PDB file of N, CA and C in Angstrom:
ATOM      1  N   MET A   1       0.624  -1.227   0.219  1.00  0.00           N
ATOM      2  CA  MET A   1       0.229  -0.361  -0.103  1.00  0.00           C
ATOM      3  C   MET A   1       0.440   1.337   0.019  1.00  0.00           C
ATOM      4  N   TRP A   2       1.668   1.606   0.924  1.00  0.00           N
ATOM      5  CA  TRP A   2       2.828   2.992   1.008  1.00  0.00           C
ATOM      6  C   TRP A   2       3.483   2.684  -0.380  1.00  0.00           C
ATOM      7  N   LYS A   3       3.957   1.274  -1.289  1.00  0.00           N
ATOM      8  CA  LYS A   3       4.625   1.867  -2.405  1.00  0.00           C
ATOM      9  C   LYS A   3       3.634   3.009  -3.608  1.00  0.00           C
ATOM     10  N   ASN A   4       2.180   2.293  -3.619  1.00  0.00           N
ATOM     11  CA  ASN A   4       1.261   2.564  -4.488  1.00  0.00           C
ATOM     12  C   ASN A   4       1.545   4.478  -4.234  1.00  0.00           C
ATOM     13  N   GLY A   5       0.730   4.697  -2.383  1.00  0.00           N
ATOM     14  CA  GLY A   5       1.243   5.759  -2.418  1.00  0.00           C
ATOM     15  C   GLY A   5       2.228   6.855  -2.795  1.00  0.00           C
ATOM     16  N   ARG A   6       3.225   6.347  -2.916  1.00  0.00           N
ATOM     17  CA  ARG A   6       4.112   7.043  -2.262  1.00  0.00           C
ATOM     18  C   ARG A   6       4.496   7.401  -4.141  1.00  0.00           C
ATOM     19  N   ARG A   7       4.103   6.559  -4.535  1.00  0.00           N
ATOM     20  CA  ARG A   7       4.261   6.817  -6.708  1.00  0.00           C
ATOM     21  C   ARG A   7       3.634   7.514  -6.652  1.00  0.00           C
ATOM     22  N   VAL A   8       2.207   7.914  -6.383  1.00  0.00           N
ATOM     23  CA  VAL A   8       0.772   8.636  -6.419  1.00  0.00           C
ATOM     24  C   VAL A   8       1.784  10.210  -5.761  1.00  0.00           C
ATOM     25  N   PHE A   9       2.393  10.494  -4.797  1.00  0.00           N
ATOM     26  CA  PHE A   9       2.924  11.084  -4.391  1.00  0.00           C
ATOM     27  C   PHE A   9       4.026  11.917  -5.027  1.00  0.00           C
ATOM     28  N   VAL A  10       5.439  10.916  -5.251  1.00  0.00           N
ATOM     29  CA  VAL A  10       6.606  11.745  -6.214  1.00  0.00           C
ATOM     30  C   VAL A  10       5.620  11.958  -8.064  1.00  0.00           C
ATOM     31  N   VAL A  11       4.472  10.964  -8.339  1.00  0.00           N
ATOM     32  CA  VAL A  11       4.339  12.010  -9.837  1.00  0.00           C
ATOM     33  C   VAL A  11       3.418  13.451  -9.340  1.00  0.00           C
ATOM     34  N   LEU A  12       2.815  13.249  -8.300  1.00  0.00           N
ATOM     35  CA  LEU A  12       2.577  14.429  -7.729  1.00  0.00           C
ATOM     36  C   LEU A  12       2.688  15.662  -8.117  1.00  0.00           C
ATOM     37  N   SER A  13       4.326  15.089  -7.222  1.00  0.00           N
ATOM     38  CA  SER A  13       5.015  16.500  -6.985  1.00  0.00           C
ATOM     39  C   SER A  13       5.630  16.610  -8.036  1.00  0.00           C
ATOM     40  N   LEU A  14       6.073  16.085  -9.080  1.00  0.00           N
ATOM     41  CA  LEU A  14       6.691  16.635 -10.643  1.00  0.00           C
ATOM     42  C   LEU A  14       5.690  17.340 -11.549  1.00  0.00           C
ATOM     43  N   VAL A  15       4.732  16.656 -11.110  1.00  0.00           N
ATOM     44  CA  VAL A  15       3.851  17.614 -12.176  1.00  0.00           C
ATOM     45  C   VAL A  15       4.009  19.471 -11.375  1.00  0.00           C
ATOM     46  N   LEU A  16       3.534  18.844 -10.324  1.00  0.00           N
ATOM     47  CA  LEU A  16       3.597  20.270  -9.275  1.00  0.00           C
ATOM     48  C   LEU A  16       4.910  21.288  -9.092  1.00  0.00           C
ATOM     49  N   LEU A  17       5.935  20.304  -9.346  1.00  0.00           N
ATOM     50  CA  LEU A  17       6.920  21.216  -9.703  1.00  0.00           C
ATOM     51  C   LEU A  17       7.127  22.011 -10.998  1.00  0.00           C
ATOM     52  N   THR A  18       6.544  21.062 -11.909  1.00  0.00           N
ATOM     53  CA  THR A  18       6.896  21.576 -13.493  1.00  0.00           C
ATOM     54  C   THR A  18       5.829  22.314 -14.259  1.00  0.00           C
ATOM     55  N   GLY A  19       4.835  22.581 -13.308  1.00  0.00           N
ATOM     56  CA  GLY A  19       3.571  23.750 -13.754  1.00  0.00           C
ATOM     57  C   GLY A  19       3.854  24.948 -12.671  1.00  0.00           C
ATOM     58  N   CYS A  20       4.667  24.857 -11.928  1.00  0.00           N
ATOM     59  CA  CYS A  20       5.103  25.856 -11.381  1.00  0.00           C
ATOM     60  C   CYS A  20       6.194  26.365 -11.772  1.00  0.00           C
ATOM     61  N   ALA A  21       7.246  25.681 -12.706  1.00  0.00           N
ATOM     62  CA  ALA A  21       8.103  26.369 -13.746  1.00  0.00           C
ATOM     63  C   ALA A  21       7.470  26.945 -14.915  1.00  0.00           C
ATOM     64  N   GLY A  22       6.651  26.486 -15.047  1.00  0.00           N
ATOM     65  CA  GLY A  22       5.308  26.954 -16.380  1.00  0.00           C
ATOM     66  C   GLY A  22       5.137  28.092 -15.686  1.00  0.00           C
ATOM     67  N   MET A  23       4.612  28.288 -14.567  1.00  0.00           N
ATOM     68  CA  MET A  23       3.912  29.206 -13.641  1.00  0.00           C
ATOM     69  C   MET A  23       4.383  30.371 -13.762  1.00  0.00           C
ATOM     70  N   GLN A  24       5.606  30.639 -13.213  1.00  0.00           N
ATOM     71  CA  GLN A  24       6.836  30.901 -12.655  1.00  0.00           C
ATOM     72  C   GLN A  24       7.410  31.704 -14.377  1.00  0.00           C
ATOM     73  N   ARG A  25       7.333  31.700 -15.281  1.00  0.00           N
ATOM     74  CA  ARG A  25       7.255  31.842 -17.121  1.00  0.00           C
ATOM     75  C   ARG A  25       6.407  32.518 -17.144  1.00  0.00           C
ATOM     76  N   SER A  26       5.349  32.015 -17.426  1.00  0.00           N
ATOM     77  CA  SER A  26       4.032  32.966 -17.418  1.00  0.00           C
ATOM     78  C   SER A  26       4.303  34.113 -16.736  1.00  0.00           C
ATOM     79  N   CYS A  27       4.052  34.163 -15.568  1.00  0.00           N
ATOM     80  CA  CYS A  27       3.689  35.578 -14.934  1.00  0.00           C
ATOM     81  C   CYS A  27       4.819  36.145 -14.650  1.00  0.00           C
ATOM     82  N   SER A  28       6.143  36.153 -15.006  1.00  0.00           N
ATOM     83  CA  SER A  28       7.313  36.629 -15.099  1.00  0.00           C
ATOM     84  C   SER A  28       6.466  37.978 -16.761  1.00  0.00           C
ATOM     85  N   SER A  29       6.140  37.418 -18.156  1.00  0.00           N
ATOM     86  CA  SER A  29       6.172  37.171 -18.865  1.00  0.00           C
ATOM     87  C   SER A  29       4.789  38.881 -18.459  1.00  0.00           C
ATOM     88  N   SER A  30       3.608  38.150 -17.731  1.00  0.00           N
ATOM     89  CA  SER A  30       2.380  39.054 -17.352  1.00  0.00           C
ATOM     90  C   SER A  30       3.017  39.947 -17.210  1.00  0.00           C
ATOM     91  N   TRP A  31       3.384  39.985 -16.180  1.00  0.00           N
ATOM     92  CA  TRP A  31       4.237  41.466 -14.980  1.00  0.00           C
ATOM     93  C   TRP A  31       4.816  41.878 -16.043  1.00  0.00           C
ATOM     94  N   ALA A  32       5.718  41.799 -16.476  1.00  0.00           N
ATOM     95  CA  ALA A  32       6.658  42.794 -17.689  1.00  0.00           C
ATOM     96  C   ALA A  32       5.385  43.142 -18.998  1.00  0.00           C
ATOM     97  N   GLY A  33       4.843  42.902 -19.036  1.00  0.00           N
ATOM     98  CA  GLY A  33       3.150  43.527 -20.186  1.00  0.00           C
ATOM     99  C   GLY A  33       3.077  44.330 -19.164  1.00  0.00           C
ATOM    100  N   MET A  34       2.187  44.409 -18.252  1.00  0.00           N
ATOM    101  CA  MET A  34       1.638  44.941 -17.761  1.00  0.00           C
ATOM    102  C   MET A  34       2.177  46.485 -16.776  1.00  0.00           C
ATOM    103  N   ALA A  35       3.705  45.750 -15.981  1.00  0.00           N
ATOM    104  CA  ALA A  35       4.057  46.798 -15.339  1.00  0.00           C
ATOM    105  C   ALA A  35       5.507  47.596 -16.094  1.00  0.00           C
ATOM    106  N   GLY A  36       6.115  46.624 -17.086  1.00  0.00           N
ATOM    107  CA  GLY A  36       7.652  47.575 -17.344  1.00  0.00           C
ATOM    108  C   GLY A  36       8.328  46.586 -16.794  1.00  0.00           C
ATOM    109  N   ASN A  37       9.557  46.591 -17.649  1.00  0.00           N
ATOM    110  CA  ASN A  37      10.878  46.284 -17.790  1.00  0.00           C
ATOM    111  C   ASN A  37      11.460  46.718 -18.512  1.00  0.00           C
ATOM    112  N   ASP A  38      12.898  45.979 -18.182  1.00  0.00           N
ATOM    113  CA  ASP A  38      14.115  46.395 -19.277  1.00  0.00           C
ATOM    114  C   ASP A  38      14.316  46.138 -20.419  1.00  0.00           C
ATOM    115  N   TRP A  39      13.785  46.241 -21.975  1.00  0.00           N
ATOM    116  CA  TRP A  39      14.736  45.262 -22.549  1.00  0.00           C
ATOM    117  C   TRP A  39      15.496  45.880 -23.285  1.00  0.00           C
ATOM    118  N   ILE A  40      16.075  44.708 -24.034  1.00  0.00           N
ATOM    119  CA  ILE A  40      17.506  45.121 -25.584  1.00  0.00           C
ATOM    120  C   ILE A  40      15.639  44.210 -26.505  1.00  0.00           C
ATOM    121  N   VAL A  41      15.752  44.968 -27.535  1.00  0.00           N
ATOM    122  CA  VAL A  41      14.923  44.326 -28.894  1.00  0.00           C
ATOM    123  C   VAL A  41      15.986  45.044 -30.520  1.00  0.00           C
ATOM    124  N   VAL A  42      16.044  44.002 -30.838  1.00  0.00           N
ATOM    125  CA  VAL A  42      16.422  44.237 -32.095  1.00  0.00           C
ATOM    126  C   VAL A  42      15.993  43.774 -32.945  1.00  0.00           C
ATOM    127  N   GLN A  43      15.693  45.069 -34.428  1.00  0.00           N
ATOM    128  CA  GLN A  43      15.365  44.073 -35.405  1.00  0.00           C
ATOM    129  C   GLN A  43      15.966  44.225 -36.645  1.00  0.00           C
ATOM    130  N   TYR A  44      15.947  43.138 -37.650  1.00  0.00           N
ATOM    131  CA  TYR A  44      16.819  42.505 -38.357  1.00  0.00           C
ATOM    132  C   TYR A  44      16.300  42.812 -39.653  1.00  0.00           C
ATOM    133  N   ASP A  45      17.079  43.193 -40.804  1.00  0.00           N
ATOM    134  CA  ASP A  45      17.018  43.514 -41.913  1.00  0.00           C
ATOM    135  C   ASP A  45      16.811  41.949 -42.663  1.00  0.00           C
ATOM    136  N   ALA A  46      16.519  41.759 -43.995  1.00  0.00           N
ATOM    137  CA  ALA A  46      16.261  40.679 -44.922  1.00  0.00           C
ATOM    138  C   ALA A  46      17.508  39.913 -44.716  1.00  0.00           C
ATOM    139  N   GLY A  47      18.854  40.575 -44.642  1.00  0.00           N
ATOM    140  CA  GLY A  47      19.726  39.444 -44.549  1.00  0.00           C
ATOM    141  C   GLY A  47      20.078  39.133 -43.422  1.00  0.00           C
ATOM    142  N   MET A  48      19.368  39.381 -42.518  1.00  0.00           N
ATOM    143  CA  MET A  48      19.604  39.280 -40.838  1.00  0.00           C
ATOM    144  C   MET A  48      20.027  39.989 -40.275  1.00  0.00           C
ATOM    145  N   GLN A  49      20.437  40.572 -40.581  1.00  0.00           N
ATOM    146  CA  GLN A  49      22.264  41.804 -40.024  1.00  0.00           C
ATOM    147  C   GLN A  49      20.978  43.106 -39.338  1.00  0.00           C
ATOM    148  N   PRO A  50      21.682  43.235 -37.703  1.00  0.00           N
ATOM    149  CA  PRO A  50      21.037  44.112 -37.016  1.00  0.00           C
ATOM    150  C   PRO A  50      20.595  45.478 -37.665  1.00  0.00           C
ATOM    151  N   LYS A  51      19.308  45.903 -38.123  1.00  0.00           N
ATOM    152  CA  LYS A  51      19.346  46.836 -38.481  1.00  0.00           C
ATOM    153  C   LYS A  51      18.838  48.919 -37.893  1.00  0.00           C
ATOM    154  N   CYS A  52      17.998  48.255 -36.660  1.00  0.00           N
ATOM    155  CA  CYS A  52      17.251  48.914 -35.610  1.00  0.00           C
ATOM    156  C   CYS A  52      17.507  48.387 -33.850  1.00  0.00           C
ATOM    157  N   ALA A  53      17.950  48.893 -33.254  1.00  0.00           N
ATOM    158  CA  ALA A  53      17.920  48.602 -31.509  1.00  0.00           C
ATOM    159  C   ALA A  53      17.213  49.305 -30.485  1.00  0.00           C
ATOM    160  N   TRP A  54      17.347  48.912 -29.789  1.00  0.00           N
ATOM    161  CA  TRP A  54      16.329  49.330 -28.195  1.00  0.00           C
ATOM    162  C   TRP A  54      16.585  49.223 -27.032  1.00  0.00           C
ATOM    163  N   LYS A  55      17.507  50.146 -26.165  1.00  0.00           N
ATOM    164  CA  LYS A  55      17.696  49.951 -25.155  1.00  0.00           C
ATOM    165  C   LYS A  55      16.770  50.375 -24.474  1.00  0.00           C
ATOM    166  N   LEU A  56      15.166  49.272 -24.166  1.00  0.00           N
ATOM    167  CA  LEU A  56      14.675  50.090 -23.453  1.00  0.00           C
ATOM    168  C   LEU A  56      14.568  50.061 -21.994  1.00  0.00           C
ATOM    169  N   GLN A  57      14.091  51.098 -20.528  1.00  0.00           N
ATOM    170  CA  GLN A  57      14.333  51.142 -19.525  1.00  0.00           C
ATOM    171  C   GLN A  57      12.480  51.061 -18.680  1.00  0.00           C
ATOM    172  N   GLY A  58      12.192  50.046 -17.645  1.00  0.00           N
ATOM    173  CA  GLY A  58      10.875  50.343 -17.448  1.00  0.00           C
ATOM    174  C   GLY A  58       9.602  50.798 -18.740  1.00  0.00           C
ATOM    175  N   VAL A  59       9.843  49.695 -19.986  1.00  0.00           N
ATOM    176  CA  VAL A  59       9.359  50.173 -20.666  1.00  0.00           C
ATOM    177  C   VAL A  59       7.928  48.662 -20.139  1.00  0.00           C
ATOM    178  N   SER A  60       6.585  48.500 -21.188  1.00  0.00           N
ATOM    179  CA  SER A  60       5.369  47.641 -21.118  1.00  0.00           C
ATOM    180  C   SER A  60       5.695  47.345 -22.691  1.00  0.00           C
ATOM    181  N   ILE A  61       6.112  46.131 -23.329  1.00  0.00           N
ATOM    182  CA  ILE A  61       6.065  45.512 -24.255  1.00  0.00           C
ATOM    183  C   ILE A  61       4.707  44.548 -24.277  1.00  0.00           C
ATOM    184  N   ALA A  62       3.801  45.359 -25.682  1.00  0.00           N
ATOM    185  CA  ALA A  62       3.060  44.061 -25.574  1.00  0.00           C
ATOM    186  C   ALA A  62       2.915  43.025 -26.780  1.00  0.00           C
ATOM    187  N   ASN A  63       2.474  42.316 -27.632  1.00  0.00           N
ATOM    188  CA  ASN A  63       2.149  41.889 -28.350  1.00  0.00           C
ATOM    189  C   ASN A  63       0.986  42.034 -29.476  1.00  0.00           C
ATOM    190  N   GLU A  64       1.275  42.799 -31.024  1.00  0.00           N
ATOM    191  CA  GLU A  64       0.055  42.947 -31.437  1.00  0.00           C
ATOM    192  C   GLU A  64      -1.075  41.833 -31.463  1.00  0.00           C
ATOM    193  N   GLU A  65      -2.304  41.995 -31.660  1.00  0.00           N
ATOM    194  CA  GLU A  65      -3.072  41.123 -31.544  1.00  0.00           C
ATOM    195  C   GLU A  65      -3.425  40.820 -33.173  1.00  0.00           C
ATOM    196  N   GLY A  66      -3.280  39.254 -33.182  1.00  0.00           N
ATOM    197  CA  GLY A  66      -3.268  38.731 -35.021  1.00  0.00           C
ATOM    198  C   GLY A  66      -1.957  39.183 -35.736  1.00  0.00           C
ATOM    199  N   SER A  67      -0.574  39.301 -34.800  1.00  0.00           N
ATOM    200  CA  SER A  67       0.183  39.784 -36.078  1.00  0.00           C
ATOM    201  C   SER A  67       1.369  39.602 -35.378  1.00  0.00           C
ATOM    202  N   ASP A  68       2.471  38.939 -36.285  1.00  0.00           N
ATOM    203  CA  ASP A  68       3.709  38.519 -35.719  1.00  0.00           C
ATOM    204  C   ASP A  68       4.535  39.952 -34.656  1.00  0.00           C
ATOM    205  N   GLY A  69       3.642  40.910 -34.439  1.00  0.00           N
ATOM    206  CA  GLY A  69       4.420  42.151 -33.944  1.00  0.00           C
ATOM    207  C   GLY A  69       4.415  42.612 -32.505  1.00  0.00           C
ATOM    208  N   ILE A  70       5.329  43.848 -32.451  1.00  0.00           N
ATOM    209  CA  ILE A  70       5.320  44.573 -30.920  1.00  0.00           C
ATOM    210  C   ILE A  70       4.767  45.706 -30.645  1.00  0.00           C
ATOM    211  N   TYR A  71       4.458  46.045 -29.883  1.00  0.00           N
ATOM    212  CA  TYR A  71       4.383  47.388 -29.828  1.00  0.00           C
ATOM    213  C   TYR A  71       4.631  47.909 -28.480  1.00  0.00           C
ATOM    214  N   TRP A  72       5.333  49.204 -28.159  1.00  0.00           N
ATOM    215  CA  TRP A  72       5.497  50.034 -26.956  1.00  0.00           C
ATOM    216  C   TRP A  72       5.562  51.449 -26.941  1.00  0.00           C
ATOM    217  N   LYS A  73       5.184  52.212 -25.887  1.00  0.00           N
ATOM    218  CA  LYS A  73       5.144  53.325 -25.486  1.00  0.00           C
ATOM    219  C   LYS A  73       6.544  54.154 -25.922  1.00  0.00           C
ATOM    220  N   ASP A  74       7.473  54.705 -26.153  1.00  0.00           N
ATOM    221  CA  ASP A  74       8.817  56.227 -26.206  1.00  0.00           C
ATOM    222  C   ASP A  74       8.364  56.354 -25.132  1.00  0.00           C
ATOM    223  N   SER A  75       9.354  56.032 -23.574  1.00  0.00           N
ATOM    224  CA  SER A  75       9.074  57.114 -22.723  1.00  0.00           C
ATOM    225  C   SER A  75       9.824  58.652 -22.888  1.00  0.00           C
ATOM    226  N   THR A  76      10.504  58.419 -24.326  1.00  0.00           N
ATOM    227  CA  THR A  76      11.327  59.854 -23.890  1.00  0.00           C
ATOM    228  C   THR A  76      10.474  61.108 -25.156  1.00  0.00           C
ATOM    229  N   THR A  77      10.015  59.924 -26.525  1.00  0.00           N
ATOM    230  CA  THR A  77       9.202  60.912 -27.096  1.00  0.00           C
ATOM    231  C   THR A  77       7.464  60.826 -27.252  1.00  0.00           C
ATOM    232  N   GLY A  78       7.510  59.990 -26.423  1.00  0.00           N
ATOM    233  CA  GLY A  78       5.781  59.825 -26.797  1.00  0.00           C
ATOM    234  C   GLY A  78       4.996  58.890 -27.588  1.00  0.00           C
ATOM    235  N   HIS A  79       5.868  58.679 -28.295  1.00  0.00           N
ATOM    236  CA  HIS A  79       5.500  58.031 -29.851  1.00  0.00           C
ATOM    237  C   HIS A  79       5.008  56.521 -29.568  1.00  0.00           C
ATOM    238  N   LEU A  80       4.191  55.957 -30.059  1.00  0.00           N
ATOM    239  CA  LEU A  80       3.854  54.131 -30.258  1.00  0.00           C
ATOM    240  C   LEU A  80       5.032  53.858 -31.458  1.00  0.00           C
ATOM    241  N   ILE A  81       5.362  52.686 -30.666  1.00  0.00           N
ATOM    242  CA  ILE A  81       6.639  52.186 -32.251  1.00  0.00           C
ATOM    243  C   ILE A  81       6.387  50.584 -31.623  1.00  0.00           C
ATOM    244  N   HIS A  82       6.003  50.518 -33.383  1.00  0.00           N
ATOM    245  CA  HIS A  82       5.399  49.401 -33.389  1.00  0.00           C
ATOM    246  C   HIS A  82       6.591  48.741 -34.500  1.00  0.00           C
ATOM    247  N   ILE A  83       7.260  47.782 -34.282  1.00  0.00           N
ATOM    248  CA  ILE A  83       7.666  46.151 -35.258  1.00  0.00           C
ATOM    249  C   ILE A  83       6.511  45.501 -35.357  1.00  0.00           C
ATOM    250  N   SER A  84       7.171  44.552 -36.970  1.00  0.00           N
ATOM    251  CA  SER A  84       7.113  43.345 -36.637  1.00  0.00           C
ATOM    252  C   SER A  84       8.000  43.125 -38.087  1.00  0.00           C
ATOM    253  N   GLY A  85       8.153  41.718 -37.924  1.00  0.00           N
ATOM    254  CA  GLY A  85       8.258  40.856 -39.080  1.00  0.00           C
ATOM    255  C   GLY A  85       9.611  40.537 -38.608  1.00  0.00           C
ATOM    256  N   TRP A  86      10.858  40.156 -38.679  1.00  0.00           N
ATOM    257  CA  TRP A  86      12.426  39.951 -38.196  1.00  0.00           C
ATOM    258  C   TRP A  86      12.892  40.520 -36.886  1.00  0.00           C
ATOM    259  N   TYR A  87      12.770  39.982 -35.718  1.00  0.00           N
ATOM    260  CA  TYR A  87      13.081  41.234 -34.187  1.00  0.00           C
ATOM    261  C   TYR A  87      12.885  40.180 -33.457  1.00  0.00           C
ATOM    262  N   ASN A  88      13.841  40.272 -32.228  1.00  0.00           N
ATOM    263  CA  ASN A  88      14.316  39.615 -30.750  1.00  0.00           C
ATOM    264  C   ASN A  88      14.442  40.581 -30.005  1.00  0.00           C
ATOM    265  N   ARG A  89      14.286  40.056 -29.049  1.00  0.00           N
ATOM    266  CA  ARG A  89      13.383  40.909 -28.023  1.00  0.00           C
ATOM    267  C   ARG A  89      14.433  39.931 -26.629  1.00  0.00           C
ATOM    268  N   VAL A  90      14.919  40.386 -25.851  1.00  0.00           N
ATOM    269  CA  VAL A  90      15.578  39.838 -24.581  1.00  0.00           C
ATOM    270  C   VAL A  90      15.010  40.466 -22.730  1.00  0.00           C
ATOM    271  N   GLN A  91      14.284  40.512 -21.760  1.00  0.00           N
ATOM    272  CA  GLN A  91      14.020  40.627 -21.179  1.00  0.00           C
ATOM    273  C   GLN A  91      15.238  40.405 -20.075  1.00  0.00           C
ATOM    274  N   VAL A  92      15.344  41.805 -19.975  1.00  0.00           N
ATOM    275  CA  VAL A  92      17.085  42.024 -19.133  1.00  0.00           C
ATOM    276  C   VAL A  92      16.866  42.200 -17.383  1.00  0.00           C
ATOM    277  N   ASP A  93      17.452  41.523 -17.205  1.00  0.00           N
ATOM    278  CA  ASP A  93      17.518  41.374 -15.456  1.00  0.00           C
ATOM    279  C   ASP A  93      18.838  41.825 -14.731  1.00  0.00           C
ATOM    280  N   ASN A  94      18.143  42.597 -13.758  1.00  0.00           N
ATOM    281  CA  ASN A  94      19.209  43.452 -12.781  1.00  0.00           C
ATOM    282  C   ASN A  94      20.136  44.526 -13.455  1.00  0.00           C
ATOM    283  N   GLY A  95      19.725  45.061 -14.776  1.00  0.00           N
ATOM    284  CA  GLY A  95      20.399  45.760 -15.195  1.00  0.00           C
ATOM    285  C   GLY A  95      21.170  45.475 -16.358  1.00  0.00           C
ATOM    286  N   ARG A  96      21.968  44.480 -16.480  1.00  0.00           N
ATOM    287  CA  ARG A  96      22.573  43.639 -17.366  1.00  0.00           C
ATOM    288  C   ARG A  96      22.893  43.815 -18.566  1.00  0.00           C
ATOM    289  N   PHE A  97      21.886  45.305 -19.158  1.00  0.00           N
ATOM    290  CA  PHE A  97      22.416  45.125 -20.435  1.00  0.00           C
ATOM    291  C   PHE A  97      23.457  44.315 -21.338  1.00  0.00           C
ATOM    292  N   ASP A  98      24.657  44.726 -20.776  1.00  0.00           N
ATOM    293  CA  ASP A  98      25.774  44.380 -21.898  1.00  0.00           C
ATOM    294  C   ASP A  98      25.599  42.492 -22.232  1.00  0.00           C
ATOM    295  N   GLU A  99      24.975  42.012 -21.100  1.00  0.00           N
ATOM    296  CA  GLU A  99      24.590  40.800 -21.354  1.00  0.00           C
ATOM    297  C   GLU A  99      23.612  40.136 -22.134  1.00  0.00           C
ATOM    298  N   ALA A 100      22.793  41.087 -21.616  1.00  0.00           N
ATOM    299  CA  ALA A 100      21.552  40.723 -22.842  1.00  0.00           C
ATOM    300  C   ALA A 100      21.464  41.189 -24.356  1.00  0.00           C
ATOM    301  N   ALA A 101      22.575  42.177 -24.075  1.00  0.00           N
ATOM    302  CA  ALA A 101      22.658  42.260 -25.978  1.00  0.00           C
ATOM    303  C   ALA A 101      23.148  41.068 -26.132  1.00  0.00           C
ATOM    304  N   LYS A 102      24.353  41.259 -26.040  1.00  0.00           N
ATOM    305  CA  LYS A 102      25.375  39.738 -26.442  1.00  0.00           C
ATOM    306  C   LYS A 102      24.376  38.242 -26.760  1.00  0.00           C
ATOM    307  N   LEU A 103      23.145  38.323 -26.342  1.00  0.00           N
ATOM    308  CA  LEU A 103      21.960  37.361 -26.481  1.00  0.00           C
ATOM    309  C   LEU A 103      21.300  36.925 -27.772  1.00  0.00           C
ATOM    310  N   VAL A 104      21.446  38.862 -28.190  1.00  0.00           N
ATOM    311  CA  VAL A 104      20.847  38.609 -29.846  1.00  0.00           C
ATOM    312  C   VAL A 104      21.777  38.920 -30.552  1.00  0.00           C
ATOM    313  N   GLY A 105      23.394  38.613 -29.922  1.00  0.00           N
ATOM    314  CA  GLY A 105      24.149  39.409 -31.125  1.00  0.00           C
ATOM    315  C   GLY A 105      24.618  40.844 -30.778  1.00  0.00           C
ATOM    316  N   ILE A 106      24.580  41.629 -30.376  1.00  0.00           N
ATOM    317  CA  ILE A 106      24.849  43.136 -30.951  1.00  0.00           C
ATOM    318  C   ILE A 106      25.659  44.117 -29.194  1.00  0.00           C
ATOM    319  N   ASP A 107      25.662  44.925 -29.717  1.00  0.00           N
ATOM    320  CA  ASP A 107      26.807  45.558 -28.697  1.00  0.00           C
ATOM    321  C   ASP A 107      26.341  46.895 -28.116  1.00  0.00           C
ATOM    322  N   VAL A 108      25.693  46.898 -27.205  1.00  0.00           N
ATOM    323  CA  VAL A 108      24.605  47.732 -26.086  1.00  0.00           C
ATOM    324  C   VAL A 108      25.284  49.588 -26.697  1.00  0.00           C
ATOM    325  N   ASN A 109      26.399  49.197 -26.626  1.00  0.00           N
ATOM    326  CA  ASN A 109      27.253  50.300 -26.893  1.00  0.00           C
ATOM    327  C   ASN A 109      26.647  50.945 -28.267  1.00  0.00           C
ATOM    328  N   LEU A 110      26.232  50.602 -29.228  1.00  0.00           N
ATOM    329  CA  LEU A 110      26.261  50.990 -30.578  1.00  0.00           C
ATOM    330  C   LEU A 110      24.549  51.638 -30.830  1.00  0.00           C
ATOM    331  N   ILE A 111      23.606  51.635 -29.847  1.00  0.00           N
ATOM    332  CA  ILE A 111      22.668  51.602 -30.101  1.00  0.00           C
ATOM    333  C   ILE A 111      22.712  53.306 -29.627  1.00  0.00           C
ATOM    334  N   LYS A 112      22.510  53.961 -30.954  1.00  0.00           N
ATOM    335  CA  LYS A 112      22.241  54.988 -30.828  1.00  0.00           C
ATOM    336  C   LYS A 112      20.413  55.754 -31.315  1.00  0.00           C
ATOM    337  N   ASN A 113      19.577  56.182 -29.908  1.00  0.00           N
ATOM    338  CA  ASN A 113      18.464  56.731 -30.792  1.00  0.00           C
ATOM    339  C   ASN A 113      17.652  55.289 -31.897  1.00  0.00           C
ATOM    340  N   GLY A 114      17.484  54.470 -31.274  1.00  0.00           N
ATOM    341  CA  GLY A 114      16.894  53.442 -31.832  1.00  0.00           C
ATOM    342  C   GLY A 114      17.576  52.694 -33.341  1.00  0.00           C
ATOM    343  N   LYS A 115      19.243  53.561 -33.793  1.00  0.00           N
ATOM    344  CA  LYS A 115      19.941  53.080 -34.877  1.00  0.00           C
ATOM    345  C   LYS A 115      20.372  52.269 -34.211  1.00  0.00           C
ATOM    346  N   TYR A 116      21.176  51.016 -34.395  1.00  0.00           N
ATOM    347  CA  TYR A 116      22.066  50.491 -34.397  1.00  0.00           C
ATOM    348  C   TYR A 116      23.480  50.663 -35.422  1.00  0.00           C
ATOM    349  N   THR A 117      24.159  51.049 -34.804  1.00  0.00           N
ATOM    350  CA  THR A 117      25.330  51.659 -35.441  1.00  0.00           C
ATOM    351  C   THR A 117      26.767  50.336 -35.190  1.00  0.00           C
ATOM    352  N   PRO A 118      26.792  49.285 -35.992  1.00  0.00           N
ATOM    353  CA  PRO A 118      27.802  48.831 -36.063  1.00  0.00           C
ATOM    354  C   PRO A 118      29.009  49.156 -36.944  1.00  0.00           C
ATOM    355  N   ALA A 119      30.278  49.445 -36.345  1.00  0.00           N
ATOM    356  CA  ALA A 119      31.471  49.421 -36.576  1.00  0.00           C
ATOM    357  C   ALA A 119      31.619  49.242 -38.321  1.00  0.00           C
ATOM    358  N   SER A 120      31.903  49.414 -38.845  1.00  0.00           N
ATOM    359  CA  SER A 120      32.505  49.046 -40.349  1.00  0.00           C
ATOM    360  C   SER A 120      33.568  48.081 -40.429  1.00  0.00           C
ATOM    361  N   PRO A 121      33.280  46.885 -41.201  1.00  0.00           N
ATOM    362  CA  PRO A 121      34.296  45.963 -41.420  1.00  0.00           C
ATOM    363  C   PRO A 121      35.318  46.487 -41.965  1.00  0.00           C
TER     364      PRO A 121
END
C-alpha cells in the first residue's frame, strides 16, 4: 500500500514542480507586459543583420493581436512604436544590458536613438 501511495506522491510532486516552472515564466511575462521592465529589442533587415535596436528601461511591451508584431510607448518622445517581421527581444535582468545584448548578437553601446550603428568591417 505504501509503495503505491509513494508513487502517487512522487508523480504529483513532479507535476506540481513542472507546473510551477511554467507558471513562473508565465507570471514573469505577464508582469513585464503590465508593469514594464528593461528590454533589448533588435530588428533585423532581410539579410538578418541588425538594423535597429532599442535599449528600453521600465517599458511595457505588448504583442499585437493577430500579428507577429510588438509595440511599446517610447518614454522619451511619447511615440508609440510598432515593429514586426524579423526581431528578437530579451527581458533584461538586474540592469545587465551588456549581457542581454550579447544574447541577440549586438553591442549595447552601439545603440543610438533606436539605430544600431556597428563599426564598418
